[in-house]
C-alpha cells in the first residue's frame, strides 16, 4: 500500500513540493499504520507495522526514517550527542536534519555537495572549507563509495575532526577485497559493477578499515543485532573512527 500511494503521489506532485510538505503528507498515513507492535524511535510513533519498501527496507510511514536512520539516531543519542557538540553531517537524512536544526544546545552543520539533500552548506569532502579541528562528530553515511579520491576525503575528515572526536562511517560492503576500477565510468557499467549508477567502488569492511587507519584514524568496527520492535536490520555495520 505504501509504495502504491507513494508512486501515485509522485506522479502528479513535483519532488520539491513533496519535500517541502513531506510532514503534512505523512500525517495522512499515520491513522493507517497506528498500532502497538512497533515503535519508530525517531518520531516516537507507535505503529501496527513499518511499511516495506521495494528493496526490502522498513520505513516509518509517519516520519520517513528507514532502518539505518533509526539505528544512527539510536547510536548517536546513546553514545555521542552531548551539549555544545559540533556536528558535521554529510547528505543528512531529512527527518534528522529537521530534528537537529531545532536543537539550541548543539552546533549542527549539514552539507551536501549536490542538491539531492536538505543542507545548509555545499562542502566538497575532498576539500572541506573549514579550519583544522572544527568538529567533534562527523556523520559520513553512504558518501565514500561515491568519491573517486576517497583517500583525500579521508584525510580531510581527519583534518577537520577535533582531537578525541569521532567519525561515523557506513557504506555498502562486500566480502573479500575492495572492488574498484577507474576505467568504469558510465552509469550503465557502474550500475552493473558497483550496484548503483553513481558508485565508484564497493568496499570490504577490512579494506575500508585499512584505508581509514592509513589516514591516521583509530578504527572500530561495530556490527549490530536485529531489533524487530524498532525495525532495525541484522548485521548492520558501522565504522567508528577516532582521532
Protein backbone atom coordinates (compact mmCIF):
# COMPACT_ATOMS: atom_id res chain seq x y z
CA UNK A 1 0.00 0.00 0.00
CA UNK A 2 2.75 2.45 0.96
CA UNK A 3 4.67 2.01 -2.30
CA UNK A 4 1.47 2.29 -4.34
CA UNK A 5 0.40 5.52 -2.63
CA UNK A 6 3.91 6.93 -2.96
CA UNK A 7 4.01 6.23 -6.70
CA UNK A 8 0.61 7.86 -7.21
CA UNK A 9 1.57 11.00 -5.27
CA UNK A 10 4.95 11.32 -7.02
CA UNK A 11 3.29 11.02 -10.41
CA UNK A 12 1.49 14.36 -10.10
CA UNK A 13 3.30 16.34 -7.37
CA UNK A 14 6.80 17.77 -8.08
CA UNK A 15 9.64 16.48 -5.88
CA UNK A 16 10.47 19.90 -4.42
CA UNK A 17 6.84 20.35 -3.34
CA UNK A 18 6.81 16.87 -1.79
CA UNK A 19 9.97 17.52 0.22
CA UNK A 20 8.77 20.91 1.43
CA UNK A 21 5.42 19.50 2.56
CA UNK A 22 6.54 15.99 3.49
CA UNK A 23 5.47 16.19 7.11
CA UNK A 24 1.93 17.20 6.14
CA UNK A 25 1.63 14.44 3.53
CA UNK A 26 2.80 11.83 6.02
CA UNK A 27 0.15 12.83 8.55
CA UNK A 28 -2.37 11.27 6.17
CA UNK A 29 -0.68 7.87 6.60
CA UNK A 30 -0.49 7.89 10.39
CA UNK A 31 -4.02 6.52 11.09
CA UNK A 32 -3.43 3.67 8.62
CA UNK A 33 -0.37 2.41 10.49
CA UNK A 34 -1.18 3.27 14.08
CA UNK A 35 -0.79 0.34 16.49
CA UNK A 36 1.35 -1.14 19.26
CA UNK A 37 3.55 -3.77 17.60
CA UNK A 38 6.45 -1.46 16.78
CA UNK A 39 7.81 1.98 17.51
CA UNK A 40 9.81 4.44 15.45
CA UNK A 41 12.44 5.78 17.84
CA UNK A 42 12.92 8.91 15.69
CA UNK A 43 9.37 10.29 15.72
CA UNK A 44 8.30 8.06 18.68
CA UNK A 45 5.14 6.91 16.87
CA UNK A 46 3.66 3.56 17.91
CA UNK A 47 2.96 1.52 14.78
CA UNK A 48 0.97 -1.51 13.72
CA UNK A 49 3.76 -2.16 11.23
CA UNK A 50 6.51 -0.42 9.34
CA UNK A 51 5.98 -0.02 5.61
CA UNK A 52 8.14 -2.25 3.44
CA UNK A 53 9.99 -0.63 0.55
CA UNK A 54 10.65 -2.35 -2.76
CA UNK A 55 14.25 -3.04 -1.67
CA UNK A 56 13.03 -4.79 1.48
CA UNK A 57 13.94 -2.00 3.89
CA UNK A 58 11.47 -0.88 6.55
CA UNK A 59 10.37 2.75 6.52
CA UNK A 60 8.39 4.63 9.13
CA UNK A 61 5.36 5.92 7.20
CA UNK A 62 4.96 8.80 9.65
CA UNK A 63 8.44 10.39 9.52
CA UNK A 64 10.16 8.63 6.63
CA UNK A 65 13.03 7.12 8.63
CA UNK A 66 14.50 3.93 7.18
CA UNK A 67 16.21 1.28 9.29
CA UNK A 68 19.69 2.80 9.13
CA UNK A 69 18.27 6.22 10.04
CA UNK A 70 16.73 4.77 13.19
CA UNK A 71 19.92 2.87 14.06
CA UNK A 72 22.02 6.01 13.61
CA UNK A 73 19.63 8.08 15.72
CA UNK A 74 19.72 5.46 18.49
CA UNK A 75 23.52 5.21 18.37
CA UNK A 76 24.01 8.97 18.45
CA UNK A 77 21.62 9.56 21.33
CA UNK A 78 23.03 6.72 23.42
CA UNK A 79 26.75 7.31 22.85
CA UNK A 80 27.67 10.56 21.14
CA UNK A 81 25.29 13.53 21.40
CA UNK A 82 26.23 15.85 24.27
CA UNK A 83 25.54 19.57 24.85
CA UNK A 84 27.56 22.04 22.75
CA UNK A 85 28.83 19.36 20.37
CA UNK A 86 29.77 20.49 16.84
CA UNK A 87 28.42 18.05 14.23
CA UNK A 88 29.18 17.86 10.51
CA UNK A 89 26.60 15.75 8.67
CA UNK A 90 27.13 14.81 5.01
CA UNK A 91 23.94 14.41 2.92
CA UNK A 92 21.73 14.20 6.02
CA UNK A 93 18.54 12.22 6.43
CA UNK A 94 15.70 14.75 6.15
CA UNK A 95 14.00 13.79 9.40
CA UNK A 96 17.27 14.06 11.35
CA UNK A 97 18.11 17.39 9.74
CA UNK A 98 14.74 18.78 10.81
CA UNK A 99 15.10 17.48 14.37
CA UNK A 100 18.67 18.67 14.92
CA UNK A 101 18.17 22.10 13.35
CA UNK A 102 15.64 22.79 16.08
CA UNK A 103 18.10 21.99 18.88
CA UNK A 104 19.74 25.00 20.50
CA UNK A 105 22.34 23.07 22.51
CA UNK A 106 24.32 21.66 19.55
CA UNK A 107 26.10 23.18 16.56
CA UNK A 108 24.78 21.34 13.51
CA UNK A 109 26.37 21.73 10.07
CA UNK A 110 24.51 19.88 7.32
CA UNK A 111 26.24 19.66 3.95
CA UNK A 112 25.51 18.21 0.53
CA UNK A 113 27.77 18.82 -2.46
CA UNK A 114 24.83 18.39 -4.83
CA UNK A 115 21.19 19.36 -4.40
CA UNK A 116 19.62 16.00 -3.58
CA UNK A 117 19.54 16.53 0.19
CA UNK A 118 18.43 19.31 2.50
CA UNK A 119 21.59 21.10 3.61
CA UNK A 120 23.00 24.50 4.58
CA UNK A 121 26.48 24.04 3.09
CA UNK A 122 27.99 22.66 -0.12
CA UNK A 123 31.30 21.28 1.14
CA UNK A 124 33.46 19.19 -1.18
CA UNK A 125 34.52 16.28 1.01
CA UNK A 126 37.92 16.22 -0.71
CA UNK A 127 38.47 19.90 0.10
CA UNK A 128 36.34 20.85 3.11
CA UNK A 129 36.16 24.62 3.54
CA UNK A 130 36.67 24.56 7.32
CA UNK A 131 39.56 25.13 9.70
CA UNK A 132 41.54 22.26 11.18
CA UNK A 133 39.90 20.52 14.16
CA UNK A 134 36.48 22.16 13.79
CA UNK A 135 34.09 19.28 14.57
CA UNK A 136 33.56 16.89 17.48
CA UNK A 137 31.47 14.47 15.43
CA UNK A 138 31.22 13.79 11.69
CA UNK A 139 28.49 11.66 10.11
CA UNK A 140 29.59 10.20 6.78
CA UNK A 141 26.90 7.72 5.76
CA UNK A 142 26.90 6.35 2.21
CA UNK A 143 29.28 9.01 0.89
CA UNK A 144 32.71 7.48 0.31
CA UNK A 145 31.52 4.97 -2.29
CA UNK A 146 30.67 7.98 -4.49
CA UNK A 147 34.09 9.64 -4.18
CA UNK A 148 36.84 8.86 -6.70
CA UNK A 149 39.66 10.18 -4.49
CA UNK A 150 38.42 8.60 -1.28
CA UNK A 151 41.84 8.74 0.38
CA UNK A 152 41.84 12.53 0.01
CA UNK A 153 38.34 12.60 1.51
CA UNK A 154 39.51 10.54 4.48
CA UNK A 155 42.46 12.87 5.06
CA UNK A 156 40.08 15.84 5.03
CA UNK A 157 37.77 14.16 7.54
CA UNK A 158 40.78 13.61 9.77
CA UNK A 159 41.93 17.22 9.36
CA UNK A 160 38.64 18.90 10.33
CA UNK A 161 37.95 16.48 13.22
CA UNK A 162 38.92 17.63 16.70
CA UNK A 163 41.30 15.56 18.79
CA UNK A 164 39.31 12.77 20.51
CA UNK A 165 36.50 13.38 18.01
CA UNK A 166 34.52 10.68 16.18
CA UNK A 167 33.61 9.96 12.58
CA UNK A 168 30.76 7.51 11.92
CA UNK A 169 31.04 5.88 8.50
CA UNK A 170 28.81 3.48 6.62
CA UNK A 171 28.87 2.24 3.02
CA UNK A 172 27.65 -0.85 1.20
CA UNK A 173 30.03 -3.75 1.88
CA UNK A 174 31.14 -6.95 0.20
CA UNK A 175 33.26 -9.90 1.25
CA UNK A 176 36.91 -10.10 0.26
CA UNK A 177 38.81 -7.14 -1.17
CA UNK A 178 37.70 -3.65 -2.17
CA UNK A 179 36.44 -3.71 -5.74
CA UNK A 180 37.22 -0.60 -7.78
CA UNK A 181 38.14 0.02 -11.41
CA UNK A 182 38.70 3.59 -12.54
CA UNK A 183 38.15 2.64 -16.18
CA UNK A 184 34.47 2.06 -15.36
CA UNK A 185 32.92 5.49 -15.90
CA UNK A 186 29.48 5.11 -17.49
CA UNK A 187 26.33 4.91 -15.38
CA UNK A 188 25.36 1.62 -17.03
CA UNK A 189 28.70 0.00 -16.22
CA UNK A 190 28.80 1.41 -12.69
CA UNK A 191 25.34 0.00 -12.03
CA UNK A 192 26.49 -3.38 -13.31
CA UNK A 193 29.75 -3.49 -11.35
CA UNK A 194 29.08 -1.42 -8.22
CA UNK A 195 25.31 -1.69 -7.77
CA UNK A 196 24.42 1.96 -8.38
CA UNK A 197 24.95 4.40 -11.24
CA UNK A 198 26.94 6.90 -9.19
CA UNK A 199 29.07 4.49 -7.16
CA UNK A 200 32.77 4.12 -7.99
CA UNK A 201 33.65 1.11 -5.79
CA UNK A 202 32.39 -1.46 -3.33
CA UNK A 203 34.31 -1.60 -0.06
CA UNK A 204 35.01 -4.58 2.09
CA UNK A 205 34.90 -3.87 5.81
CA UNK A 206 38.57 -4.72 6.26
CA UNK A 207 39.58 -2.77 3.17
CA UNK A 208 37.83 0.38 4.34
CA UNK A 209 39.21 -0.08 7.84
CA UNK A 210 42.77 -0.25 6.48
CA UNK A 211 42.36 2.91 4.39
CA UNK A 212 40.99 4.80 7.36
CA UNK A 213 43.84 3.60 9.55
CA UNK A 214 46.30 4.73 6.88
CA UNK A 215 44.71 8.20 7.18
CA UNK A 216 45.52 8.27 10.90
CA UNK A 217 42.28 7.10 12.48
CA UNK A 218 41.85 4.57 15.26
CA UNK A 219 39.11 2.34 13.84
CA UNK A 220 36.49 0.15 15.49
CA UNK A 221 34.01 -1.95 13.51
CA UNK A 222 30.62 -2.37 15.15
CA UNK A 223 28.09 -4.94 13.91
CA UNK A 224 24.56 -4.63 15.28
CA UNK A 225 21.82 -7.13 16.00
CA UNK A 226 18.31 -7.10 14.60
CA UNK A 227 15.61 -5.27 16.57
CA UNK A 228 12.11 -6.17 15.40
CA UNK A 229 10.34 -3.65 17.63
CA UNK A 230 12.34 -0.70 16.26
CA UNK A 231 12.57 -2.11 12.75
CA UNK A 232 16.38 -2.40 12.74
CA UNK A 233 18.14 -4.79 10.36
CA UNK A 234 20.51 -7.56 11.45
CA UNK A 235 24.25 -7.38 10.80
CA UNK A 236 24.25 -3.64 10.12
CA UNK A 237 27.86 -2.45 10.16
CA UNK A 238 29.08 0.97 11.28
CA UNK A 239 32.73 2.05 11.17
CA UNK A 240 33.61 4.19 14.20
CA UNK A 241 36.76 6.28 13.74
CA UNK A 242 38.54 8.21 16.48
CA UNK A 243 41.27 10.82 16.31
